[in-house]
């Protein structure tokens, strides 16, 4: 009878050759599986971040100093620092968002982008870092809209900014009031001051702009949660390794306190998503 061999029949020399080949191939295999975005960023040395420079507390250009400020101006600088890249801002908006990100005008959009189904169909999102409900803003002298219940009444004209999540939400929600979609160069504030709308809908960060700078503005909050939406960073689809790196950044700023500190500096501590 033949004795059963208790060890592999493959000669030791072949094992060593296979191991050496695996070691030599490992870097190239890792490179092939790596994010194309990260490869390009390393080659260019530049991180392009889409912002909307009219988003108070988020990515806002001060009209007097022309300087950019806000939570995502701070946090985008932190991301570039973590990646050891030069930071370049690309001006965008909610109406241009999908096209700008999809066409690679920027590597990531960092201006508190609401995670909406229609955007999820075209973009990839990180884990949320902020969230906000919808609020009404009217004038102190407006007698027609005193409380939330007054918004959806006959004869009331409700303004929403084109491209924001308030547009589809309020279009679906309003049954009696008329909706007016405000498109640049028109602004919700000017439409309200001119009397062409009775109230406009916005989120928590933008409402702070009016309350901090306009003594004629009055906030109309919902009596209970109306439509709370998570905010996240948006990037192109089909690059999971780049999305994972962005999620790693979001987890890090939550863990080490950078998110909480930046939010506090811009009056947004109440809407931070810490989980």
Protein backbone atom coordinates (compact mmCIF):
# COMPACT_ATOMS: atom_id res chain seq x y z
CA UNK A 1 0.00 0.00 0.00
CA UNK A 2 1.11 3.58 -0.72
CA UNK A 3 1.67 5.78 2.29
CA UNK A 4 -0.57 8.84 2.56
CA UNK A 5 1.51 11.99 2.37
CA UNK A 6 0.88 14.29 5.33
CA UNK A 7 2.09 17.46 3.57
CA UNK A 8 1.43 19.26 0.33
CA UNK A 9 2.73 17.61 -2.80
CA UNK A 10 3.77 21.01 -4.20
CA UNK A 11 7.55 21.47 -3.89
CA UNK A 12 8.75 24.20 -1.55
CA UNK A 13 10.45 26.03 -4.40
CA UNK A 14 7.15 26.49 -6.24
CA UNK A 15 5.54 27.83 -3.05
CA UNK A 16 8.28 30.41 -2.75
CA UNK A 17 7.96 31.41 -6.40
CA UNK A 18 4.18 31.87 -6.05
CA UNK A 19 4.64 33.94 -2.89
CA UNK A 20 7.21 36.18 -4.58
CA UNK A 21 4.90 36.69 -7.57
CA UNK A 22 2.03 37.63 -5.27
CA UNK A 23 4.20 40.20 -3.51
CA UNK A 24 5.26 41.72 -6.82
CA UNK A 25 1.69 41.85 -8.13
CA UNK A 26 0.13 43.27 -4.94
CA UNK A 27 0.85 46.96 -5.64
CA UNK A 28 -0.46 46.78 -9.20
CA UNK A 29 -3.60 44.93 -8.13
CA UNK A 30 -4.24 47.49 -5.40
CA UNK A 31 -3.70 50.29 -7.88
CA UNK A 32 -6.14 48.73 -10.35
CA UNK A 33 -8.81 48.46 -7.66
CA UNK A 34 -8.23 51.99 -6.35
CA UNK A 35 -10.51 54.94 -6.88
CA UNK A 36 -9.95 56.67 -10.24
CA UNK A 37 -10.80 59.92 -8.49
CA UNK A 38 -8.09 59.42 -5.87
CA UNK A 39 -5.58 58.52 -8.60
CA UNK A 40 -6.42 61.71 -10.48
CA UNK A 41 -6.29 63.81 -7.31
CA UNK A 42 -2.82 62.51 -6.54
CA UNK A 43 -1.69 63.33 -10.06
CA UNK A 44 -3.15 66.84 -10.09
CA UNK A 45 -2.51 67.70 -6.44
CA UNK A 46 -5.82 69.60 -6.43
CA UNK A 47 -9.22 68.99 -4.82
CA UNK A 48 -12.12 70.76 -6.56
CA UNK A 49 -15.10 71.42 -4.29
CA UNK A 50 -18.46 72.68 -5.54
CA UNK A 51 -20.08 75.33 -3.33
CA UNK A 52 -23.10 77.63 -3.52
CA UNK A 53 -21.74 81.01 -2.39
CA UNK A 54 -25.17 82.33 -1.35
CA UNK A 55 -25.79 79.75 1.38
CA UNK A 56 -25.59 81.58 4.69
CA UNK A 57 -23.74 79.69 7.42
CA UNK A 58 -22.79 76.96 4.93
CA UNK A 59 -20.78 78.39 2.00
CA UNK A 60 -21.49 82.12 1.99
CA UNK A 61 -19.58 84.94 0.30
CA UNK A 62 -19.82 88.07 2.40
CA UNK A 63 -20.98 90.86 0.03
CA UNK A 64 -18.86 93.43 1.84
CA UNK A 65 -15.57 91.60 2.15
CA UNK A 66 -16.09 89.01 -0.65
CA UNK A 67 -14.63 86.43 1.73
CA UNK A 68 -16.12 82.94 1.91
CA UNK A 69 -17.29 81.60 5.26
CA UNK A 70 -19.48 78.90 6.73
CA UNK A 71 -19.32 75.39 8.08
CA UNK A 72 -18.50 73.79 4.73
CA UNK A 73 -15.83 76.33 3.91
CA UNK A 74 -14.12 75.23 7.12
CA UNK A 75 -14.75 71.51 6.60
CA UNK A 76 -13.71 71.49 2.93
CA UNK A 77 -10.41 73.01 4.05
CA UNK A 78 -10.12 70.18 6.57
CA UNK A 79 -10.77 67.59 3.85
CA UNK A 80 -8.11 69.09 1.58
CA UNK A 81 -5.70 69.15 4.53
CA UNK A 82 -6.41 65.50 5.35
CA UNK A 83 -5.82 64.54 1.70
CA UNK A 84 -2.75 66.83 1.44
CA UNK A 85 -4.20 68.58 -1.60
CA UNK A 86 -4.60 72.15 -2.80
CA UNK A 87 -8.21 73.32 -2.42
CA UNK A 88 -10.07 74.98 -5.30
CA UNK A 89 -13.70 76.12 -5.09
CA UNK A 90 -16.09 75.77 -8.02
CA UNK A 91 -19.20 77.93 -7.81
CA UNK A 92 -22.38 75.93 -8.28
CA UNK A 93 -26.01 75.97 -7.13
CA UNK A 94 -28.80 73.53 -6.46
CA UNK A 95 -30.04 73.84 -10.04
CA UNK A 96 -26.53 73.15 -11.43
CA UNK A 97 -25.54 70.58 -8.81
CA UNK A 98 -26.16 67.32 -10.69
CA UNK A 99 -24.59 68.54 -13.92
CA UNK A 100 -21.55 70.05 -12.19
CA UNK A 101 -20.80 66.91 -10.18
CA UNK A 102 -21.60 64.43 -12.96
CA UNK A 103 -19.48 66.29 -15.50
CA UNK A 104 -16.48 66.36 -13.12
CA UNK A 105 -16.43 70.13 -12.73
CA UNK A 106 -15.78 69.27 -9.10
CA UNK A 107 -14.76 66.18 -7.14
CA UNK A 108 -17.34 66.66 -4.38
CA UNK A 109 -20.17 69.08 -3.62
CA UNK A 110 -19.90 70.43 -0.08
CA UNK A 111 -22.80 72.79 0.57
CA UNK A 112 -25.27 70.89 2.75
CA UNK A 113 -26.91 69.03 -0.11
CA UNK A 114 -30.31 67.59 0.79
CA UNK A 115 -30.50 63.86 0.14
CA UNK A 116 -33.47 63.67 -2.24
CA UNK A 117 -34.54 60.60 -4.27
CA UNK A 118 -34.12 62.44 -7.58
CA UNK A 119 -30.58 63.40 -6.59
CA UNK A 120 -29.78 59.90 -5.31
CA UNK A 121 -30.69 58.58 -8.76
CA UNK A 122 -27.84 60.62 -10.26
CA UNK A 123 -25.34 61.17 -7.44
CA UNK A 124 -23.68 59.29 -4.60
CA UNK A 125 -24.01 60.66 -1.06
CA UNK A 126 -21.95 60.37 2.08
CA UNK A 127 -23.48 59.68 5.47
CA UNK A 128 -25.41 62.79 6.63
CA UNK A 129 -23.76 65.38 8.85
CA UNK A 130 -26.62 67.92 9.19
CA UNK A 131 -30.40 67.81 8.94
CA UNK A 132 -33.08 70.47 8.70
CA UNK A 133 -36.81 70.90 8.60
CA UNK A 134 -38.61 73.48 6.43
CA UNK A 135 -39.38 76.93 7.84
CA UNK A 136 -41.41 79.85 6.59
CA UNK A 137 -40.05 83.40 6.46
CA UNK A 138 -42.38 86.38 6.18
CA UNK A 139 -42.33 90.06 7.13
CA UNK A 140 -43.16 91.35 10.57
CA UNK A 141 -45.91 93.48 9.04
CA UNK A 142 -47.61 90.62 7.15
CA UNK A 143 -51.06 90.05 8.64
CA UNK A 144 -52.05 87.20 6.33
CA UNK A 145 -49.39 84.76 7.55
CA UNK A 146 -49.03 84.73 11.31
CA UNK A 147 -48.64 81.01 11.94
CA UNK A 148 -47.82 77.84 10.00
CA UNK A 149 -51.49 77.04 9.46
CA UNK A 150 -51.92 80.31 7.55
CA UNK A 151 -49.48 79.30 4.80
CA UNK A 152 -51.78 76.97 2.86
CA UNK A 153 -54.78 79.27 2.45
CA UNK A 154 -56.47 80.70 -0.66
CA UNK A 155 -54.83 83.89 -1.85
CA UNK A 156 -51.47 83.20 -0.21
CA UNK A 157 -48.44 83.16 -2.54
CA UNK A 158 -45.60 80.95 -1.31
CA UNK A 159 -42.09 81.40 -2.70
CA UNK A 160 -39.54 78.61 -3.07
CA UNK A 161 -36.01 78.75 -4.46
CA UNK A 162 -35.63 76.84 -7.74
CA UNK A 163 -33.67 73.63 -7.34
CA UNK A 164 -33.96 73.40 -3.55
CA UNK A 165 -35.77 70.52 -1.88
CA UNK A 166 -38.51 72.94 -0.80
CA UNK A 167 -39.66 73.18 -4.41
CA UNK A 168 -40.94 69.58 -4.82
CA UNK A 169 -42.02 69.27 -1.18
CA UNK A 170 -44.13 72.42 -1.14
CA UNK A 171 -45.50 71.77 -4.65
CA UNK A 172 -46.85 68.45 -3.39
CA UNK A 173 -47.99 69.79 -0.01
CA UNK A 174 -49.82 73.01 -0.89
CA UNK A 175 -53.50 72.49 -1.73
CA UNK A 176 -54.93 76.01 -1.56
CA UNK A 177 -52.04 78.47 -1.72
CA UNK A 178 -50.27 79.47 -4.93
CA UNK A 179 -46.59 78.58 -5.34
CA UNK A 180 -44.02 80.83 -7.00
CA UNK A 181 -40.66 79.31 -8.00
CA UNK A 182 -37.98 81.99 -7.62
CA UNK A 183 -35.16 81.77 -10.15
CA UNK A 184 -31.95 83.85 -10.29
CA UNK A 185 -31.33 86.72 -10.58
CA UNK A 186 -34.54 87.17 -8.55
CA UNK A 187 -34.25 86.37 -4.84
CA UNK A 188 -36.81 85.24 -2.30
CA UNK A 189 -36.04 88.22 -0.07
CA UNK A 190 -36.68 90.77 -2.82
CA UNK A 191 -39.88 89.00 -3.87
CA UNK A 192 -41.06 89.08 -0.26
CA UNK A 193 -40.13 92.73 0.31
CA UNK A 194 -41.82 93.69 -2.98
CA UNK A 195 -45.04 91.99 -1.88
CA UNK A 196 -45.08 89.49 -4.75
CA UNK A 197 -45.05 86.62 -2.26
CA UNK A 198 -46.46 86.41 1.27
CA UNK A 199 -43.95 83.94 2.65
CA UNK A 200 -41.04 81.90 1.39
CA UNK A 201 -39.90 78.48 2.47
CA UNK A 202 -36.34 77.76 3.47
CA UNK A 203 -34.23 75.63 5.78
CA UNK A 204 -32.66 76.30 9.16
CA UNK A 205 -29.28 77.62 7.92
CA UNK A 206 -30.76 80.04 5.41
CA UNK A 207 -33.35 81.27 7.92
CA UNK A 208 -30.47 82.35 10.14
CA UNK A 209 -29.36 84.78 7.43
CA UNK A 210 -32.64 86.66 7.62
CA UNK A 211 -32.89 86.59 11.39
CA UNK A 212 -29.29 87.76 11.78
CA UNK A 213 -29.39 90.51 9.15
CA UNK A 214 -32.96 91.68 8.48
CA UNK A 215 -35.00 93.29 11.23
CA UNK A 216 -38.11 93.08 9.03
CA UNK A 217 -38.04 89.27 8.81
CA UNK A 218 -40.07 86.90 10.97
CA UNK A 219 -39.67 83.12 11.21
CA UNK A 220 -42.72 80.86 10.87
CA UNK A 221 -41.71 77.44 12.27
CA UNK A 222 -43.81 74.30 11.86
CA UNK A 223 -45.59 73.31 15.11
CA UNK A 224 -44.25 69.78 14.69
CA UNK A 225 -41.72 68.13 12.35
CA UNK A 226 -42.90 68.77 8.80
CA UNK A 227 -40.25 67.44 6.42
CA UNK A 228 -36.88 66.85 8.08
CA UNK A 229 -34.21 66.15 5.47
CA UNK A 230 -30.65 64.87 5.97
CA UNK A 231 -27.81 66.87 4.41
CA UNK A 232 -24.67 65.21 3.07
CA UNK A 233 -21.81 65.63 0.62
CA UNK A 234 -22.44 64.58 -2.98
CA UNK A 235 -20.10 63.05 -5.53
CA UNK A 236 -20.21 61.03 -8.73
CA UNK A 237 -21.57 57.53 -8.81
CA UNK A 238 -19.52 54.44 -9.74
CA UNK A 239 -16.48 55.29 -7.63
CA UNK A 240 -17.14 53.48 -4.33
CA UNK A 241 -13.57 53.85 -3.11
CA UNK A 242 -13.78 57.66 -3.33
CA UNK A 243 -17.18 57.65 -1.62
CA UNK A 244 -15.73 55.44 1.13
CA UNK A 245 -12.87 57.94 1.61
CA UNK A 246 -15.39 60.78 1.95
CA UNK A 247 -17.41 58.74 4.44
CA UNK A 248 -14.20 58.15 6.37
CA UNK A 249 -13.74 61.93 6.54
CA UNK A 250 -17.34 62.47 7.75
CA UNK A 251 -16.88 59.83 10.46
CA UNK A 252 -13.59 61.44 11.50
CA UNK A 253 -14.98 64.98 11.91
CA UNK A 254 -17.84 63.62 13.99
CA UNK A 255 -15.47 61.60 16.15
CA UNK A 256 -12.78 64.22 16.72
CA UNK A 257 -15.11 67.19 17.28
CA UNK A 258 -14.32 69.21 14.14
CA UNK A 259 -17.95 69.00 12.93
CA UNK A 260 -19.42 70.06 16.26
CA UNK A 261 -16.99 72.95 16.64
CA UNK A 262 -17.53 74.27 13.12
CA UNK A 263 -21.30 74.02 13.50
CA UNK A 264 -21.19 75.96 16.76
CA UNK A 265 -19.16 78.75 15.17
CA UNK A 266 -21.87 79.25 12.54
CA UNK A 267 -24.97 78.85 14.70
CA UNK A 268 -25.80 75.38 13.38
CA UNK A 269 -25.22 73.28 16.47
CA UNK A 270 -28.90 72.36 16.72
CA UNK A 271 -28.94 70.55 13.37
CA UNK A 272 -25.77 68.46 13.59
CA UNK A 273 -26.15 64.72 12.91
CA UNK A 274 -23.64 63.14 15.25
CA UNK A 275 -24.38 59.44 14.69
